PDB file of N, CA and C in Angstrom:
ATOM      1  N   UNK A   1      83.502 104.682  80.078  1.00  0.00           N
ATOM      2  CA  UNK A   1      83.236 105.968  79.468  1.00  0.00           C
ATOM      3  C   UNK A   1      82.372 106.828  80.386  1.00  0.00           C
ATOM      4  N   UNK A   2      81.468 106.168  81.086  1.00  0.00           N
ATOM      5  CA  UNK A   2      80.608 106.910  82.014  1.00  0.00           C
ATOM      6  C   UNK A   2      81.448 107.484  83.154  1.00  0.00           C
ATOM      7  N   UNK A   3      82.387 106.687  83.670  1.00  0.00           N
ATOM      8  CA  UNK A   3      83.246 107.172  84.760  1.00  0.00           C
ATOM      9  C   UNK A   3      84.076 108.354  84.290  1.00  0.00           C
ATOM     10  N   UNK A   4      84.573 108.297  83.064  1.00  0.00           N
ATOM     11  CA  UNK A   4      85.333 109.421  82.515  1.00  0.00           C
ATOM     12  C   UNK A   4      84.486 110.676  82.405  1.00  0.00           C
ATOM     13  N   UNK A   5      83.234 110.506  81.998  1.00  0.00           N
ATOM     14  CA  UNK A   5      82.332 111.650  81.893  1.00  0.00           C
ATOM     15  C   UNK A   5      82.046 112.244  83.272  1.00  0.00           C
ATOM     16  N   UNK A   6      81.867 111.382  84.278  1.00  0.00           N
ATOM     17  CA  UNK A   6      81.610 111.872  85.639  1.00  0.00           C
ATOM     18  C   UNK A   6      82.808 112.653  86.154  1.00  0.00           C
ATOM     19  N   UNK A   7      84.017 112.112  85.959  1.00  0.00           N
ATOM     20  CA  UNK A   7      85.210 112.829  86.408  1.00  0.00           C
ATOM     21  C   UNK A   7      85.388 114.150  85.670  1.00  0.00           C
ATOM     22  N   UNK A   8      85.064 114.165  84.375  1.00  0.00           N
ATOM     23  CA  UNK A   8      85.165 115.407  83.616  1.00  0.00           C
ATOM     24  C   UNK A   8      84.179 116.446  84.146  1.00  0.00           C
ATOM     25  N   UNK A   9      82.948 116.014  84.455  1.00  0.00           N
ATOM     26  CA  UNK A   9      81.957 116.948  85.004  1.00  0.00           C
ATOM     27  C   UNK A   9      82.412 117.490  86.358  1.00  0.00           C
ATOM     28  N   UNK A  10      82.918 116.599  87.227  1.00  0.00           N
ATOM     29  CA  UNK A  10      83.387 117.057  88.534  1.00  0.00           C
ATOM     30  C   UNK A  10      84.556 118.018  88.390  1.00  0.00           C
ATOM     31  N   UNK A  11      85.424 117.750  87.444  1.00  0.00           N
ATOM     32  CA  UNK A  11      86.553 118.642  87.210  1.00  0.00           C
ATOM     33  C   UNK A  11      86.079 120.018  86.762  1.00  0.00           C
ATOM     34  N   UNK A  12      85.091 120.054  85.874  1.00  0.00           N
ATOM     35  CA  UNK A  12      84.576 121.327  85.398  1.00  0.00           C
ATOM     36  C   UNK A  12      83.832 122.080  86.501  1.00  0.00           C
ATOM     37  N   UNK A  13      83.128 121.337  87.360  1.00  0.00           N
ATOM     38  CA  UNK A  13      82.380 121.977  88.441  1.00  0.00           C
ATOM     39  C   UNK A  13      83.321 122.609  89.460  1.00  0.00           C
ATOM     40  N   UNK A  14      84.399 121.898  89.816  1.00  0.00           N
ATOM     41  CA  UNK A  14      85.300 122.398  90.860  1.00  0.00           C
ATOM     42  C   UNK A  14      86.418 123.269  90.315  1.00  0.00           C
ATOM     43  N   UNK A  15      86.461 123.500  89.016  1.00  0.00           N
ATOM     44  CA  UNK A  15      87.542 124.271  88.424  1.00  0.00           C
ATOM     45  C   UNK A  15      87.580 125.708  88.960  1.00  0.00           C
ATOM     46  N   UNK A  16      86.455 126.349  89.105  1.00  0.00           N
ATOM     47  CA  UNK A  16      86.425 127.738  89.535  1.00  0.00           C
ATOM     48  C   UNK A  16      86.454 127.935  91.039  1.00  0.00           C
ATOM     49  N   UNK A  17      86.317 126.861  91.808  1.00  0.00           N
ATOM     50  CA  UNK A  17      86.226 127.014  93.258  1.00  0.00           C
ATOM     51  C   UNK A  17      87.579 127.233  93.914  1.00  0.00           C
ATOM     52  N   UNK A  18      88.660 126.964  93.207  1.00  0.00           N
ATOM     53  CA  UNK A  18      89.985 127.180  93.777  1.00  0.00           C
ATOM     54  C   UNK A  18      90.305 126.226  94.911  1.00  0.00           C
ATOM     55  N   UNK A  19      89.983 124.960  94.759  1.00  0.00           N
ATOM     56  CA  UNK A  19      90.291 123.971  95.784  1.00  0.00           C
ATOM     57  C   UNK A  19      91.805 123.832  95.885  1.00  0.00           C
ATOM     58  N   UNK A  20      92.325 124.004  97.095  1.00  0.00           N
ATOM     59  CA  UNK A  20      93.767 123.957  97.311  1.00  0.00           C
ATOM     60  C   UNK A  20      94.077 122.942  98.397  1.00  0.00           C
ATOM     61  N   UNK A  21      95.281 122.356  98.352  1.00  0.00           N
ATOM     62  CA  UNK A  21      95.653 121.412  99.407  1.00  0.00           C
ATOM     63  C   UNK A  21      95.745 122.104 100.760  1.00  0.00           C
ATOM     64  N   UNK A  22      95.509 121.348 101.801  1.00  0.00           N
ATOM     65  CA  UNK A  22      95.525 121.898 103.154  1.00  0.00           C
ATOM     66  C   UNK A  22      96.929 122.378 103.548  1.00  0.00           C
ATOM     67  N   UNK A  23      97.937 121.578 103.197  1.00  0.00           N
ATOM     68  CA  UNK A  23      99.322 121.925 103.522  1.00  0.00           C
ATOM     69  C   UNK A  23     100.096 122.130 102.236  1.00  0.00           C
ATOM     70  N   UNK A  24     101.175 122.894 102.317  1.00  0.00           N
ATOM     71  CA  UNK A  24     102.009 123.121 101.141  1.00  0.00           C
ATOM     72  C   UNK A  24     102.658 121.807 100.716  1.00  0.00           C
ATOM     73  N   UNK A  25     102.662 121.557  99.409  1.00  0.00           N
ATOM     74  CA  UNK A  25     103.225 120.321  98.894  1.00  0.00           C
ATOM     75  C   UNK A  25     104.751 120.390  98.902  1.00  0.00           C
ATOM     76  N   UNK A  26     105.374 119.245  99.197  1.00  0.00           N
ATOM     77  CA  UNK A  26     106.833 119.177  99.195  1.00  0.00           C
ATOM     78  C   UNK A  26     107.302 118.902  97.768  1.00  0.00           C
ATOM     79  N   UNK A  27     108.446 119.472  97.388  1.00  0.00           N
ATOM     80  CA  UNK A  27     108.966 119.185  96.040  1.00  0.00           C
ATOM     81  C   UNK A  27     109.352 117.711  95.901  1.00  0.00           C
ATOM     82  N   UNK A  28     109.210 117.192  94.698  1.00  0.00           N
ATOM     83  CA  UNK A  28     109.534 115.792  94.435  1.00  0.00           C
ATOM     84  C   UNK A  28     111.037 115.682  94.160  1.00  0.00           C
ATOM     85  N   UNK A  29     111.686 114.724  94.805  1.00  0.00           N
ATOM     86  CA  UNK A  29     113.115 114.506  94.602  1.00  0.00           C
ATOM     87  C   UNK A  29     113.335 113.713  93.320  1.00  0.00           C
ATOM     88  N   UNK A  30     114.555 113.752  92.810  1.00  0.00           N
ATOM     89  CA  UNK A  30     114.885 113.070  91.559  1.00  0.00           C
ATOM     90  C   UNK A  30     114.651 111.575  91.666  1.00  0.00           C
ATOM     91  N   UNK A  31     115.045 110.961  92.786  1.00  0.00           N
ATOM     92  CA  UNK A  31     114.847 109.527  92.962  1.00  0.00           C
ATOM     93  C   UNK A  31     113.372 109.174  92.921  1.00  0.00           C
ATOM     94  N   UNK A  32     112.534 109.993  93.559  1.00  0.00           N
ATOM     95  CA  UNK A  32     111.092 109.734  93.556  1.00  0.00           C
ATOM     96  C   UNK A  32     110.523 109.832  92.141  1.00  0.00           C
ATOM     97  N   UNK A  33     111.018 110.779  91.348  1.00  0.00           N
ATOM     98  CA  UNK A  33     110.558 110.902  89.960  1.00  0.00           C
ATOM     99  C   UNK A  33     110.924 109.665  89.156  1.00  0.00           C
ATOM    100  N   UNK A  34     112.135 109.168  89.367  1.00  0.00           N
ATOM    101  CA  UNK A  34     112.568 107.971  88.645  1.00  0.00           C
ATOM    102  C   UNK A  34     111.731 106.757  89.050  1.00  0.00           C
ATOM    103  N   UNK A  35     111.413 106.637  90.330  1.00  0.00           N
ATOM    104  CA  UNK A  35     110.589 105.524  90.791  1.00  0.00           C
ATOM    105  C   UNK A  35     109.191 105.604  90.185  1.00  0.00           C
ATOM    106  N   UNK A  36     108.609 106.792  90.161  1.00  0.00           N
ATOM    107  CA  UNK A  36     107.274 106.941  89.572  1.00  0.00           C
ATOM    108  C   UNK A  36     107.296 106.681  88.069  1.00  0.00           C
ATOM    109  N   UNK A  37     108.361 107.119  87.389  1.00  0.00           N
ATOM    110  CA  UNK A  37     108.479 106.852  85.954  1.00  0.00           C
ATOM    111  C   UNK A  37     108.597 105.349  85.706  1.00  0.00           C
ATOM    112  N   UNK A  38     109.373 104.655  86.534  1.00  0.00           N
ATOM    113  CA  UNK A  38     109.494 103.208  86.404  1.00  0.00           C
ATOM    114  C   UNK A  38     108.170 102.506  86.643  1.00  0.00           C
ATOM    115  N   UNK A  39     107.410 102.976  87.630  1.00  0.00           N
ATOM    116  CA  UNK A  39     106.099 102.380  87.902  1.00  0.00           C
ATOM    117  C   UNK A  39     105.150 102.610  86.733  1.00  0.00           C
ATOM    118  N   UNK A  40     105.192 103.792  86.140  1.00  0.00           N
ATOM    119  CA  UNK A  40     104.337 104.083  84.989  1.00  0.00           C
ATOM    120  C   UNK A  40     104.700 103.190  83.808  1.00  0.00           C
ATOM    121  N   UNK A  41     106.002 103.020  83.559  1.00  0.00           N
ATOM    122  CA  UNK A  41     106.433 102.136  82.477  1.00  0.00           C
ATOM    123  C   UNK A  41     106.012 100.695  82.741  1.00  0.00           C
ATOM    124  N   UNK A  42     106.094 100.261  84.005  1.00  0.00           N
ATOM    125  CA  UNK A  42     105.677  98.902  84.349  1.00  0.00           C
ATOM    126  C   UNK A  42     104.177  98.718  84.107  1.00  0.00           C
ATOM    127  N   UNK A  43     103.388  99.711  84.450  1.00  0.00           N
ATOM    128  CA  UNK A  43     101.934  99.630  84.223  1.00  0.00           C
ATOM    129  C   UNK A  43     101.638  99.518  82.732  1.00  0.00           C
ATOM    130  N   UNK A  44     102.305 100.345  81.916  1.00  0.00           N
ATOM    131  CA  UNK A  44     102.083 100.272  80.477  1.00  0.00           C
ATOM    132  C   UNK A  44     102.526  98.922  79.919  1.00  0.00           C
ATOM    133  N   UNK A  45     103.653  98.401  80.387  1.00  0.00           N
ATOM    134  CA  UNK A  45     104.145  97.118  79.903  1.00  0.00           C
ATOM    135  C   UNK A  45     103.188  95.991  80.283  1.00  0.00           C
ATOM    136  N   UNK A  46     102.738  95.971  81.523  1.00  0.00           N
ATOM    137  CA  UNK A  46     101.839  94.906  81.978  1.00  0.00           C
ATOM    138  C   UNK A  46     100.513  94.958  81.216  1.00  0.00           C
ATOM    139  N   UNK A  47      99.940  96.148  81.084  1.00  0.00           N
ATOM    140  CA  UNK A  47      98.665  96.256  80.388  1.00  0.00           C
ATOM    141  C   UNK A  47      98.824  96.006  78.886  1.00  0.00           C
ATOM    142  N   UNK A  48      99.934  96.462  78.321  1.00  0.00           N
ATOM    143  CA  UNK A  48     100.187  96.196  76.907  1.00  0.00           C
ATOM    144  C   UNK A  48     100.321  94.708  76.642  1.00  0.00           C
ATOM    145  N   UNK A  49     101.057  94.015  77.504  1.00  0.00           N
ATOM    146  CA  UNK A  49     101.194  92.566  77.363  1.00  0.00           C
ATOM    147  C   UNK A  49      99.832  91.881  77.525  1.00  0.00           C
ATOM    148  N   UNK A  50      99.036  92.352  78.457  1.00  0.00           N
ATOM    149  CA  UNK A  50      97.697  91.783  78.645  1.00  0.00           C
ATOM    150  C   UNK A  50      96.818  91.974  77.417  1.00  0.00           C
ATOM    151  N   UNK A  51      96.914  93.140  76.792  1.00  0.00           N
ATOM    152  CA  UNK A  51      96.129  93.386  75.575  1.00  0.00           C
ATOM    153  C   UNK A  51      96.601  92.486  74.437  1.00  0.00           C
ATOM    154  N   UNK A  52      97.917  92.326  74.297  1.00  0.00           N
ATOM    155  CA  UNK A  52      98.433  91.438  73.258  1.00  0.00           C
ATOM    156  C   UNK A  52      98.014  89.993  73.503  1.00  0.00           C
ATOM    157  N   UNK A  53      98.080  89.559  74.745  1.00  0.00           N
ATOM    158  CA  UNK A  53      97.684  88.197  75.089  1.00  0.00           C
ATOM    159  C   UNK A  53      96.198  87.975  74.800  1.00  0.00           C
ATOM    160  N   UNK A  54      95.364  88.952  75.204  1.00  0.00           N
ATOM    161  CA  UNK A  54      93.926  88.816  74.996  1.00  0.00           C
ATOM    162  C   UNK A  54      93.585  88.814  73.502  1.00  0.00           C
ATOM    163  N   UNK A  55      94.245  89.666  72.731  1.00  0.00           N
ATOM    164  CA  UNK A  55      93.950  89.688  71.298  1.00  0.00           C
ATOM    165  C   UNK A  55      94.430  88.410  70.633  1.00  0.00           C
ATOM    166  N   UNK A  56      95.534  87.823  71.136  1.00  0.00           N
ATOM    167  CA  UNK A  56      95.992  86.545  70.578  1.00  0.00           C
ATOM    168  C   UNK A  56      95.005  85.426  70.913  1.00  0.00           C
ATOM    169  N   UNK A  57      94.367  85.501  72.076  1.00  0.00           N
ATOM    170  CA  UNK A  57      93.375  84.483  72.452  1.00  0.00           C
ATOM    171  C   UNK A  57      92.128  84.567  71.571  1.00  0.00           C
ATOM    172  N   UNK A  58      91.824  85.750  71.093  1.00  0.00           N
ATOM    173  CA  UNK A  58      90.638  85.932  70.243  1.00  0.00           C
ATOM    174  C   UNK A  58      90.870  85.430  68.826  1.00  0.00           C
ATOM    175  N   UNK A  59      92.095  85.452  68.387  1.00  0.00           N
ATOM    176  CA  UNK A  59      92.410  85.067  66.989  1.00  0.00           C
ATOM    177  C   UNK A  59      92.526  83.589  66.837  1.00  0.00           C
TER     178      UNK A  59
END
């Protein structure tokens, strides 16, 4: 929770400064979007399974 608060404060501090990337960003291709979506789903599945396993160990 403390880390979240620190990131929120930093976000609010730098919001008005207009920090921009050094180089123009390249558009994301469809294949790259699908790969990132698959990685996100894998992260949720792994962490969800870990939470279920941990809660089963507590019971």
